[in-house]
Amino acid sequence: MLVTNIEIIPGKRVKEHLGLVQGSSVRAKHLGRDIMAGLKNIFGGELKGYTELLQESREEAMERMIQQAEAVGANAVLNVRFSTSSIAAGAAELFAYGTAVVLE
């Protein structure tokens, strides 16, 4: 499955447009990560626990989007974008979406 954030693939033609596909992941903060983040706020530096949490969420949202694209018969997802939103105190959603197509 080809997944890209560009609208067209050089040298390829979109044979069929299958519509919007999406995937999301909602994650909650972890107490241990919060304690370490509090210390980093004092001393500065990357919040590695949160970086890992966001990376896991992106991967999960992408995988769900790809599964949806495969289910409708796509061989590529174009113009992929990510969005985040706060769901509740301490929890956030990471949303991935794009256009499912069949490329020749």
PDB file of N, CA and C in Angstrom:
ATOM      1  N   MET A   1       0.853  -1.178   0.000  1.00  0.00           N
ATOM      2  CA  MET A   1       0.000   0.000   0.000  1.00  0.00           C
ATOM      3  C   MET A   1       0.895   1.235   0.000  1.00  0.00           C
ATOM      4  N   LEU A   2       0.722   2.075  -0.991  1.00  0.00           N
ATOM      5  CA  LEU A   2       1.446   3.338  -1.069  1.00  0.00           C
ATOM      6  C   LEU A   2       0.674   4.375  -0.264  1.00  0.00           C
ATOM      7  N   VAL A   3       1.350   5.029   0.673  1.00  0.00           N
ATOM      8  CA  VAL A   3       0.740   6.068   1.507  1.00  0.00           C
ATOM      9  C   VAL A   3       1.614   7.305   1.406  1.00  0.00           C
ATOM     10  N   THR A   4       1.024   8.426   0.996  1.00  0.00           N
ATOM     11  CA  THR A   4       1.808   9.636   0.812  1.00  0.00           C
ATOM     12  C   THR A   4       0.982  10.883   1.116  1.00  0.00           C
ATOM     13  N   ASN A   5       1.684  11.963   1.394  1.00  0.00           N
ATOM     14  CA  ASN A   5       0.991  13.219   1.674  1.00  0.00           C
ATOM     15  C   ASN A   5       0.871  14.101   0.431  1.00  0.00           C
ATOM     16  N   ILE A   6       1.321  13.630  -0.734  1.00  0.00           N
ATOM     17  CA  ILE A   6       1.167  14.411  -1.952  1.00  0.00           C
ATOM     18  C   ILE A   6      -0.118  13.996  -2.677  1.00  0.00           C
ATOM     19  N   GLU A   7      -0.587  14.868  -3.574  1.00  0.00           N
ATOM     20  CA  GLU A   7      -1.875  14.641  -4.230  1.00  0.00           C
ATOM     21  C   GLU A   7      -1.790  13.738  -5.457  1.00  0.00           C
ATOM     22  N   ILE A   8      -0.633  13.706  -6.091  1.00  0.00           N
ATOM     23  CA  ILE A   8      -0.448  12.855  -7.268  1.00  0.00           C
ATOM     24  C   ILE A   8       0.892  12.142  -7.145  1.00  0.00           C
ATOM     25  N   ILE A   9       1.008  11.024  -7.826  1.00  0.00           N
ATOM     26  CA  ILE A   9       2.256  10.268  -7.842  1.00  0.00           C
ATOM     27  C   ILE A   9       2.852  10.415  -9.244  1.00  0.00           C
ATOM     28  N   PRO A  10       4.018  11.000  -9.361  1.00  0.00           N
ATOM     29  CA  PRO A  10       4.634  11.157 -10.682  1.00  0.00           C
ATOM     30  C   PRO A  10       4.759   9.809 -11.392  1.00  0.00           C
ATOM     31  N   GLY A  11       4.309   9.774 -12.642  1.00  0.00           N
ATOM     32  CA  GLY A  11       4.389   8.546 -13.433  1.00  0.00           C
ATOM     33  C   GLY A  11       3.251   7.577 -13.203  1.00  0.00           C
ATOM     34  N   LYS A  12       2.341   7.895 -12.305  1.00  0.00           N
ATOM     35  CA  LYS A  12       1.179   7.031 -12.026  1.00  0.00           C
ATOM     36  C   LYS A  12      -0.096   7.789 -12.362  1.00  0.00           C
ATOM     37  N   ARG A  13      -1.129   7.045 -12.700  1.00  0.00           N
ATOM     38  CA  ARG A  13      -2.424   7.641 -12.990  1.00  0.00           C
ATOM     39  C   ARG A  13      -3.460   7.067 -12.043  1.00  0.00           C
ATOM     40  N   VAL A  14      -4.317   7.937 -11.522  1.00  0.00           N
ATOM     41  CA  VAL A  14      -5.405   7.476 -10.656  1.00  0.00           C
ATOM     42  C   VAL A  14      -6.466   6.848 -11.548  1.00  0.00           C
ATOM     43  N   LYS A  15      -6.645   5.556 -11.390  1.00  0.00           N
ATOM     44  CA  LYS A  15      -7.630   4.799 -12.181  1.00  0.00           C
ATOM     45  C   LYS A  15      -9.020   4.919 -11.560  1.00  0.00           C
ATOM     46  N   GLU A  16      -9.055   4.918 -10.225  1.00  0.00           N
ATOM     47  CA  GLU A  16     -10.345   4.967  -9.528  1.00  0.00           C
ATOM     48  C   GLU A  16     -10.199   5.700  -8.200  1.00  0.00           C
ATOM     49  N   HIS A  17     -11.152   6.557  -7.922  1.00  0.00           N
ATOM     50  CA  HIS A  17     -11.205   7.311  -6.663  1.00  0.00           C
ATOM     51  C   HIS A  17     -12.204   6.602  -5.763  1.00  0.00           C
ATOM     52  N   LEU A  18     -11.768   6.164  -4.580  1.00  0.00           N
ATOM     53  CA  LEU A  18     -12.631   5.376  -3.694  1.00  0.00           C
ATOM     54  C   LEU A  18     -13.129   6.154  -2.483  1.00  0.00           C
ATOM     55  N   GLY A  19     -12.671   7.373  -2.317  1.00  0.00           N
ATOM     56  CA  GLY A  19     -13.177   8.225  -1.245  1.00  0.00           C
ATOM     57  C   GLY A  19     -12.253   8.332  -0.048  1.00  0.00           C
ATOM     58  N   LEU A  20     -12.770   9.007   0.950  1.00  0.00           N
ATOM     59  CA  LEU A  20     -12.030   9.288   2.181  1.00  0.00           C
ATOM     60  C   LEU A  20     -11.887   8.029   3.028  1.00  0.00           C
ATOM     61  N   VAL A  21     -10.676   7.819   3.531  1.00  0.00           N
ATOM     62  CA  VAL A  21     -10.442   6.762   4.521  1.00  0.00           C
ATOM     63  C   VAL A  21      -9.800   7.414   5.737  1.00  0.00           C
ATOM     64  N   GLN A  22      -9.988   6.803   6.884  1.00  0.00           N
ATOM     65  CA  GLN A  22      -9.534   7.423   8.117  1.00  0.00           C
ATOM     66  C   GLN A  22      -9.194   6.377   9.163  1.00  0.00           C
ATOM     67  N   GLY A  23      -8.427   6.796  10.129  1.00  0.00           N
ATOM     68  CA  GLY A  23      -8.103   5.961  11.274  1.00  0.00           C
ATOM     69  C   GLY A  23      -7.802   6.870  12.439  1.00  0.00           C
ATOM     70  N   SER A  24      -8.114   6.418  13.634  1.00  0.00           N
ATOM     71  CA  SER A  24      -7.831   7.248  14.799  1.00  0.00           C
ATOM     72  C   SER A  24      -7.377   6.398  15.976  1.00  0.00           C
ATOM     73  N   SER A  25      -6.751   7.072  16.912  1.00  0.00           N
ATOM     74  CA  SER A  25      -6.298   6.448  18.147  1.00  0.00           C
ATOM     75  C   SER A  25      -6.480   7.467  19.266  1.00  0.00           C
ATOM     76  N   VAL A  26      -7.101   7.039  20.335  1.00  0.00           N
ATOM     77  CA  VAL A  26      -7.274   7.909  21.501  1.00  0.00           C
ATOM     78  C   VAL A  26      -6.399   7.351  22.611  1.00  0.00           C
ATOM     79  N   ARG A  27      -5.545   8.204  23.135  1.00  0.00           N
ATOM     80  CA  ARG A  27      -4.610   7.785  24.180  1.00  0.00           C
ATOM     81  C   ARG A  27      -4.736   8.681  25.397  1.00  0.00           C
ATOM     82  N   ALA A  28      -4.515   8.077  26.546  1.00  0.00           N
ATOM     83  CA  ALA A  28      -4.517   8.827  27.806  1.00  0.00           C
ATOM     84  C   ALA A  28      -3.088   8.962  28.304  1.00  0.00           C
ATOM     85  N   LYS A  29      -2.854  10.016  29.047  1.00  0.00           N
ATOM     86  CA  LYS A  29      -1.531  10.212  29.646  1.00  0.00           C
ATOM     87  C   LYS A  29      -1.285   9.143  30.705  1.00  0.00           C
ATOM     88  N   HIS A  30      -0.034   8.915  30.990  1.00  0.00           N
ATOM     89  CA  HIS A  30       0.397   7.905  31.954  1.00  0.00           C
ATOM     90  C   HIS A  30       1.011   8.635  33.149  1.00  0.00           C
ATOM     91  N   LEU A  31       0.665   8.234  34.362  1.00  0.00           N
ATOM     92  CA  LEU A  31       1.142   8.908  35.565  1.00  0.00           C
ATOM     93  C   LEU A  31       2.663   9.009  35.603  1.00  0.00           C
ATOM     94  N   GLY A  32       3.354   7.930  35.268  1.00  0.00           N
ATOM     95  CA  GLY A  32       4.822   7.947  35.264  1.00  0.00           C
ATOM     96  C   GLY A  32       5.364   8.959  34.273  1.00  0.00           C
ATOM     97  N   ARG A  33       4.735   9.022  33.111  1.00  0.00           N
ATOM     98  CA  ARG A  33       5.166   9.996  32.101  1.00  0.00           C
ATOM     99  C   ARG A  33       4.891  11.416  32.581  1.00  0.00           C
ATOM    100  N   ASP A  34       3.783  11.615  33.288  1.00  0.00           N
ATOM    101  CA  ASP A  34       3.455  12.949  33.815  1.00  0.00           C
ATOM    102  C   ASP A  34       4.498  13.417  34.819  1.00  0.00           C
ATOM    103  N   ILE A  35       4.963  12.510  35.664  1.00  0.00           N
ATOM    104  CA  ILE A  35       5.978  12.872  36.667  1.00  0.00           C
ATOM    105  C   ILE A  35       7.263  13.291  35.966  1.00  0.00           C
ATOM    106  N   MET A  36       7.682  12.499  34.963  1.00  0.00           N
ATOM    107  CA  MET A  36       8.901  12.827  34.224  1.00  0.00           C
ATOM    108  C   MET A  36       8.732  14.131  33.435  1.00  0.00           C
ATOM    109  N   ALA A  37       7.538  14.354  32.892  1.00  0.00           N
ATOM    110  CA  ALA A  37       7.277  15.597  32.152  1.00  0.00           C
ATOM    111  C   ALA A  37       7.365  16.791  33.085  1.00  0.00           C
ATOM    112  N   GLY A  38       6.878  16.637  34.312  1.00  0.00           N
ATOM    113  CA  GLY A  38       6.968  17.721  35.288  1.00  0.00           C
ATOM    114  C   GLY A  38       8.413  18.078  35.589  1.00  0.00           C
ATOM    115  N   LEU A  39       9.265  17.075  35.714  1.00  0.00           N
ATOM    116  CA  LEU A  39      10.692  17.322  35.941  1.00  0.00           C
ATOM    117  C   LEU A  39      11.337  17.997  34.730  1.00  0.00           C
ATOM    118  N   LYS A  40      10.967  17.561  33.550  1.00  0.00           N
ATOM    119  CA  LYS A  40      11.526  18.166  32.333  1.00  0.00           C
ATOM    120  C   LYS A  40      11.088  19.626  32.207  1.00  0.00           C
ATOM    121  N   ASN A  41       9.877  19.938  32.682  1.00  0.00           N
ATOM    122  CA  ASN A  41       9.419  21.325  32.632  1.00  0.00           C
ATOM    123  C   ASN A  41      10.299  22.222  33.504  1.00  0.00           C
ATOM    124  N   ILE A  42      10.837  21.657  34.561  1.00  0.00           N
ATOM    125  CA  ILE A  42      11.709  22.420  35.453  1.00  0.00           C
ATOM    126  C   ILE A  42      13.099  22.573  34.839  1.00  0.00           C
ATOM    127  N   PHE A  43      13.652  21.451  34.340  1.00  0.00           N
ATOM    128  CA  PHE A  43      15.034  21.447  33.854  1.00  0.00           C
ATOM    129  C   PHE A  43      15.164  21.617  32.345  1.00  0.00           C
ATOM    130  N   GLY A  44      14.071  21.460  31.611  1.00  0.00           N
ATOM    131  CA  GLY A  44      14.097  21.589  30.160  1.00  0.00           C
ATOM    132  C   GLY A  44      14.456  20.284  29.480  1.00  0.00           C
ATOM    133  N   GLY A  45      14.176  20.193  28.213  1.00  0.00           N
ATOM    134  CA  GLY A  45      14.507  19.008  27.433  1.00  0.00           C
ATOM    135  C   GLY A  45      13.284  18.376  26.804  1.00  0.00           C
ATOM    136  N   GLU A  46      13.549  17.395  25.962  1.00  0.00           N
ATOM    137  CA  GLU A  46      12.482  16.695  25.258  1.00  0.00           C
ATOM    138  C   GLU A  46      11.675  15.833  26.220  1.00  0.00           C
ATOM    139  N   LEU A  47      10.373  15.814  26.019  1.00  0.00           N
ATOM    140  CA  LEU A  47       9.483  14.958  26.808  1.00  0.00           C
ATOM    141  C   LEU A  47       9.365  13.628  26.068  1.00  0.00           C
ATOM    142  N   LYS A  48      10.362  12.760  26.230  1.00  0.00           N
ATOM    143  CA  LYS A  48      10.460  11.526  25.450  1.00  0.00           C
ATOM    144  C   LYS A  48       9.271  10.599  25.648  1.00  0.00           C
ATOM    145  N   GLY A  49       8.721  10.562  26.843  1.00  0.00           N
ATOM    146  CA  GLY A  49       7.550   9.719  27.093  1.00  0.00           C
ATOM    147  C   GLY A  49       6.373  10.135  26.228  1.00  0.00           C
ATOM    148  N   TYR A  50       6.175  11.438  26.089  1.00  0.00           N
ATOM    149  CA  TYR A  50       5.079  11.945  25.259  1.00  0.00           C
ATOM    150  C   TYR A  50       5.397  11.789  23.777  1.00  0.00           C
ATOM    151  N   THR A  51       6.667  11.939  23.409  1.00  0.00           N
ATOM    152  CA  THR A  51       7.070  11.726  22.023  1.00  0.00           C
ATOM    153  C   THR A  51       6.764  10.289  21.613  1.00  0.00           C
ATOM    154  N   GLU A  52       7.101   9.327  22.468  1.00  0.00           N
ATOM    155  CA  GLU A  52       6.816   7.915  22.195  1.00  0.00           C
ATOM    156  C   GLU A  52       5.314   7.667  22.125  1.00  0.00           C
ATOM    157  N   LEU A  53       4.556   8.272  23.013  1.00  0.00           N
ATOM    158  CA  LEU A  53       3.105   8.109  23.040  1.00  0.00           C
ATOM    159  C   LEU A  53       2.489   8.608  21.735  1.00  0.00           C
ATOM    160  N   LEU A  54       2.930   9.766  21.253  1.00  0.00           N
ATOM    161  CA  LEU A  54       2.409  10.310  20.000  1.00  0.00           C
ATOM    162  C   LEU A  54       2.824   9.453  18.810  1.00  0.00           C
ATOM    163  N   GLN A  55       4.050   8.945  18.814  1.00  0.00           N
ATOM    164  CA  GLN A  55       4.502   8.085  17.720  1.00  0.00           C
ATOM    165  C   GLN A  55       3.663   6.811  17.656  1.00  0.00           C
ATOM    166  N   GLU A  56       3.403   6.197  18.803  1.00  0.00           N
ATOM    167  CA  GLU A  56       2.555   5.004  18.849  1.00  0.00           C
ATOM    168  C   GLU A  56       1.160   5.320  18.326  1.00  0.00           C
ATOM    169  N   SER A  57       0.619   6.457  18.702  1.00  0.00           N
ATOM    170  CA  SER A  57      -0.715   6.859  18.254  1.00  0.00           C
ATOM    171  C   SER A  57      -0.745   7.081  16.752  1.00  0.00           C
ATOM    172  N   ARG A  58       0.276   7.740  16.200  1.00  0.00           N
ATOM    173  CA  ARG A  58       0.344   7.967  14.746  1.00  0.00           C
ATOM    174  C   ARG A  58       0.382   6.637  14.006  1.00  0.00           C
ATOM    175  N   GLU A  59       1.218   5.720  14.471  1.00  0.00           N
ATOM    176  CA  GLU A  59       1.337   4.417  13.815  1.00  0.00           C
ATOM    177  C   GLU A  59       0.012   3.660  13.852  1.00  0.00           C
ATOM    178  N   GLU A  60      -0.666   3.690  14.998  1.00  0.00           N
ATOM    179  CA  GLU A  60      -1.947   2.993  15.135  1.00  0.00           C
ATOM    180  C   GLU A  60      -3.014   3.624  14.239  1.00  0.00           C
ATOM    181  N   ALA A  61      -3.088   4.945  14.208  1.00  0.00           N
ATOM    182  CA  ALA A  61      -4.066   5.643  13.366  1.00  0.00           C
ATOM    183  C   ALA A  61      -3.790   5.350  11.885  1.00  0.00           C
ATOM    184  N   MET A  62      -2.510   5.357  11.483  1.00  0.00           N
ATOM    185  CA  MET A  62      -2.149   5.055  10.094  1.00  0.00           C
ATOM    186  C   MET A  62      -2.537   3.625   9.730  1.00  0.00           C
ATOM    187  N   GLU A  63      -2.245   2.685  10.613  1.00  0.00           N
ATOM    188  CA  GLU A  63      -2.578   1.287  10.350  1.00  0.00           C
ATOM    189  C   GLU A  63      -4.084   1.116  10.175  1.00  0.00           C
ATOM    190  N   ARG A  64      -4.874   1.773  10.992  1.00  0.00           N
ATOM    191  CA  ARG A  64      -6.333   1.691  10.868  1.00  0.00           C
ATOM    192  C   ARG A  64      -6.812   2.322   9.556  1.00  0.00           C
ATOM    193  N   MET A  65      -6.188   3.422   9.154  1.00  0.00           N
ATOM    194  CA  MET A  65      -6.533   4.057   7.885  1.00  0.00           C
ATOM    195  C   MET A  65      -6.200   3.125   6.716  1.00  0.00           C
ATOM    196  N   ILE A  66      -5.033   2.495   6.762  1.00  0.00           N
ATOM    197  CA  ILE A  66      -4.615   1.565   5.714  1.00  0.00           C
ATOM    198  C   ILE A  66      -5.558   0.376   5.637  1.00  0.00           C
ATOM    199  N   GLN A  67      -5.957  -0.157   6.782  1.00  0.00           N
ATOM    200  CA  GLN A  67      -6.910  -1.274   6.801  1.00  0.00           C
ATOM    201  C   GLN A  67      -8.222  -0.887   6.139  1.00  0.00           C
ATOM    202  N   GLN A  68      -8.694   0.325   6.398  1.00  0.00           N
ATOM    203  CA  GLN A  68      -9.930   0.798   5.781  1.00  0.00           C
ATOM    204  C   GLN A  68      -9.741   0.933   4.266  1.00  0.00           C
ATOM    205  N   ALA A  69      -8.580   1.428   3.837  1.00  0.00           N
ATOM    206  CA  ALA A  69      -8.298   1.561   2.404  1.00  0.00           C
ATOM    207  C   ALA A  69      -8.260   0.192   1.722  1.00  0.00           C
ATOM    208  N   GLU A  70      -7.623  -0.778   2.361  1.00  0.00           N
ATOM    209  CA  GLU A  70      -7.571  -2.133   1.803  1.00  0.00           C
ATOM    210  C   GLU A  70      -8.962  -2.731   1.692  1.00  0.00           C
ATOM    211  N   ALA A  71      -9.813  -2.454   2.674  1.00  0.00           N
ATOM    212  CA  ALA A  71     -11.173  -2.998   2.687  1.00  0.00           C
ATOM    213  C   ALA A  71     -12.014  -2.491   1.514  1.00  0.00           C
ATOM    214  N   VAL A  72     -11.714  -1.288   1.014  1.00  0.00           N
ATOM    215  CA  VAL A  72     -12.484  -0.759  -0.117  1.00  0.00           C
ATOM    216  C   VAL A  72     -11.782  -1.026  -1.456  1.00  0.00           C
ATOM    217  N   GLY A  73     -10.641  -1.711  -1.423  1.00  0.00           N
ATOM    218  CA  GLY A  73      -9.961  -2.112  -2.647  1.00  0.00           C
ATOM    219  C   GLY A  73      -8.898  -1.159  -3.157  1.00  0.00           C
ATOM    220  N   ALA A  74      -8.436  -0.254  -2.325  1.00  0.00           N
ATOM    221  CA  ALA A  74      -7.413   0.713  -2.738  1.00  0.00           C
ATOM    222  C   ALA A  74      -6.030   0.074  -2.747  1.00  0.00           C
ATOM    223  N   ASN A  75      -5.152   0.627  -3.583  1.00  0.00           N
ATOM    224  CA  ASN A  75      -3.746   0.235  -3.521  1.00  0.00           C
ATOM    225  C   ASN A  75      -2.861   1.424  -3.136  1.00  0.00           C
ATOM    226  N   ALA A  76      -3.513   2.576  -2.834  1.00  0.00           N
ATOM    227  CA  ALA A  76      -2.778   3.755  -2.388  1.00  0.00           C
ATOM    228  C   ALA A  76      -3.703   4.686  -1.614  1.00  0.00           C
ATOM    229  N   VAL A  77      -3.099   5.473  -0.728  1.00  0.00           N
ATOM    230  CA  VAL A  77      -3.822   6.536  -0.027  1.00  0.00           C
ATOM    231  C   VAL A  77      -3.023   7.813  -0.266  1.00  0.00           C
ATOM    232  N   LEU A  78      -3.667   8.779  -0.893  1.00  0.00           N
ATOM    233  CA  LEU A  78      -3.010  10.032  -1.249  1.00  0.00           C
ATOM    234  C   LEU A  78      -3.458  11.164  -0.330  1.00  0.00           C
ATOM    235  N   ASN A  79      -2.663  12.215  -0.300  1.00  0.00           N
ATOM    236  CA  ASN A  79      -2.987  13.445   0.431  1.00  0.00           C
ATOM    237  C   ASN A  79      -3.273  13.173   1.914  1.00  0.00           C
ATOM    238  N   VAL A  80      -2.442  12.339   2.527  1.00  0.00           N
ATOM    239  CA  VAL A  80      -2.636  11.954   3.934  1.00  0.00           C
ATOM    240  C   VAL A  80      -2.328  13.133   4.847  1.00  0.00           C
ATOM    241  N   ARG A  81      -3.181  13.300   5.831  1.00  0.00           N
ATOM    242  CA  ARG A  81      -3.036  14.370   6.820  1.00  0.00           C
ATOM    243  C   ARG A  81      -3.275  13.791   8.210  1.00  0.00           C
ATOM    244  N   PHE A  82      -2.755  14.511   9.218  1.00  0.00           N
ATOM    245  CA  PHE A  82      -2.957  14.152  10.616  1.00  0.00           C
ATOM    246  C   PHE A  82      -3.616  15.312  11.338  1.00  0.00           C
ATOM    247  N   SER A  83      -4.403  14.978  12.333  1.00  0.00           N
ATOM    248  CA  SER A  83      -5.045  15.989  13.161  1.00  0.00           C
ATOM    249  C   SER A  83      -5.066  15.467  14.594  1.00  0.00           C
ATOM    250  N   THR A  84      -5.007  16.360  15.545  1.00  0.00           N
ATOM    251  CA  THR A  84      -5.112  15.968  16.951  1.00  0.00           C
ATOM    252  C   THR A  84      -6.197  16.793  17.612  1.00  0.00           C
ATOM    253  N   SER A  85      -6.795  16.218  18.631  1.00  0.00           N
ATOM    254  CA  SER A  85      -7.788  16.961  19.409  1.00  0.00           C
ATOM    255  C   SER A  85      -7.837  16.402  20.819  1.00  0.00           C
ATOM    256  N   SER A  86      -8.189  17.257  21.737  1.00  0.00           N
ATOM    257  CA  SER A  86      -8.336  16.859  23.127  1.00  0.00           C
ATOM    258  C   SER A  86      -9.718  16.245  23.307  1.00  0.00           C
ATOM    259  N   ILE A  87      -9.768  15.064  23.882  1.00  0.00           N
ATOM    260  CA  ILE A  87     -11.030  14.358  24.085  1.00  0.00           C
ATOM    261  C   ILE A  87     -11.555  14.599  25.501  1.00  0.00           C
ATOM    262  N   ALA A  88     -10.675  14.484  26.468  1.00  0.00           N
ATOM    263  CA  ALA A  88     -11.019  14.676  27.882  1.00  0.00           C
ATOM    264  C   ALA A  88      -9.741  15.107  28.592  1.00  0.00           C
ATOM    265  N   ALA A  89      -9.863  15.457  29.836  1.00  0.00           N
ATOM    266  CA  ALA A  89      -8.668  15.823  30.606  1.00  0.00           C
ATOM    267  C   ALA A  89      -7.702  14.639  30.600  1.00  0.00           C
ATOM    268  N   GLY A  90      -6.530  14.859  30.040  1.00  0.00           N
ATOM    269  CA  GLY A  90      -5.518  13.808  30.027  1.00  0.00           C
ATOM    270  C   GLY A  90      -5.622  12.828  28.872  1.00  0.00           C
ATOM    271  N   ALA A  91      -6.545  13.044  27.921  1.00  0.00           N
ATOM    272  CA  ALA A  91      -6.682  12.126  26.785  1.00  0.00           C
ATOM    273  C   ALA A  91      -6.795  12.924  25.488  1.00  0.00           C
ATOM    274  N   ALA A  92      -6.181  12.388  24.433  1.00  0.00           N
ATOM    275  CA  ALA A  92      -6.205  13.063  23.142  1.00  0.00           C
ATOM    276  C   ALA A  92      -6.392  12.047  22.026  1.00  0.00           C
ATOM    277  N   GLU A  93      -6.972  12.523  20.921  1.00  0.00           N
ATOM    278  CA  GLU A  93      -7.156  11.701  19.737  1.00  0.00           C
ATOM    279  C   GLU A  93      -6.155  12.128  18.675  1.00  0.00           C
ATOM    280  N   LEU A  94      -5.557  11.158  18.016  1.00  0.00           N
ATOM    281  CA  LEU A  94      -4.757  11.420  16.845  1.00  0.00           C
ATOM    282  C   LEU A  94      -5.507  10.795  15.681  1.00  0.00           C
ATOM    283  N   PHE A  95      -5.781  11.586  14.654  1.00  0.00           N
ATOM    284  CA  PHE A  95      -6.636  11.214  13.535  1.00  0.00           C
ATOM    285  C   PHE A  95      -5.828  11.291  12.245  1.00  0.00           C
ATOM    286  N   ALA A  96      -5.831  10.226  11.456  1.00  0.00           N
ATOM    287  CA  ALA A  96      -5.158  10.211  10.162  1.00  0.00           C
ATOM    288  C   ALA A  96      -6.224  10.015   9.083  1.00  0.00           C
ATOM    289  N   TYR A  97      -6.114  10.783   7.992  1.00  0.00           N
ATOM    290  CA  TYR A  97      -7.097  10.637   6.927  1.00  0.00           C
ATOM    291  C   TYR A  97      -6.462  10.937   5.579  1.00  0.00           C
ATOM    292  N   GLY A  98      -7.047  10.382   4.539  1.00  0.00           N
ATOM    293  CA  GLY A  98      -6.548  10.584   3.195  1.00  0.00           C
ATOM    294  C   GLY A  98      -7.536  10.080   2.174  1.00  0.00           C
ATOM    295  N   THR A  99      -7.146  10.118   0.903  1.00  0.00           N
ATOM    296  CA  THR A  99      -8.003   9.705  -0.192  1.00  0.00           C
ATOM    297  C   THR A  99      -7.561   8.341  -0.704  1.00  0.00           C
ATOM    298  N   ALA A 100      -8.460   7.368  -0.636  1.00  0.00           N
ATOM    299  CA  ALA A 100      -8.181   6.015  -1.124  1.00  0.00           C
ATOM    300  C   ALA A 100      -8.369   5.995  -2.626  1.00  0.00           C
ATOM    301  N   VAL A 101      -7.366   5.453  -3.333  1.00  0.00           N
ATOM    302  CA  VAL A 101      -7.423   5.388  -4.797  1.00  0.00           C
ATOM    303  C   VAL A 101      -6.859   4.062  -5.271  1.00  0.00           C
ATOM    304  N   VAL A 102      -7.163   3.772  -6.547  1.00  0.00           N
ATOM    305  CA  VAL A 102      -6.511   2.678  -7.243  1.00  0.00           C
ATOM    306  C   VAL A 102      -5.612   3.324  -8.282  1.00  0.00           C
ATOM    307  N   LEU A 103      -4.323   3.057  -8.186  1.00  0.00           N
ATOM    308  CA  LEU A 103      -3.350   3.590  -9.144  1.00  0.00           C
ATOM    309  C   LEU A 103      -3.056   2.547 -10.209  1.00  0.00           C
ATOM    310  N   GLU A 104      -2.831   3.027 -11.434  1.00  0.00           N
ATOM    311  CA  GLU A 104      -2.397   2.114 -12.515  1.00  0.00           C
ATOM    312  C   GLU A 104      -0.901   1.953 -12.472  1.00  0.00           C
TER     313      GLU A 104
END
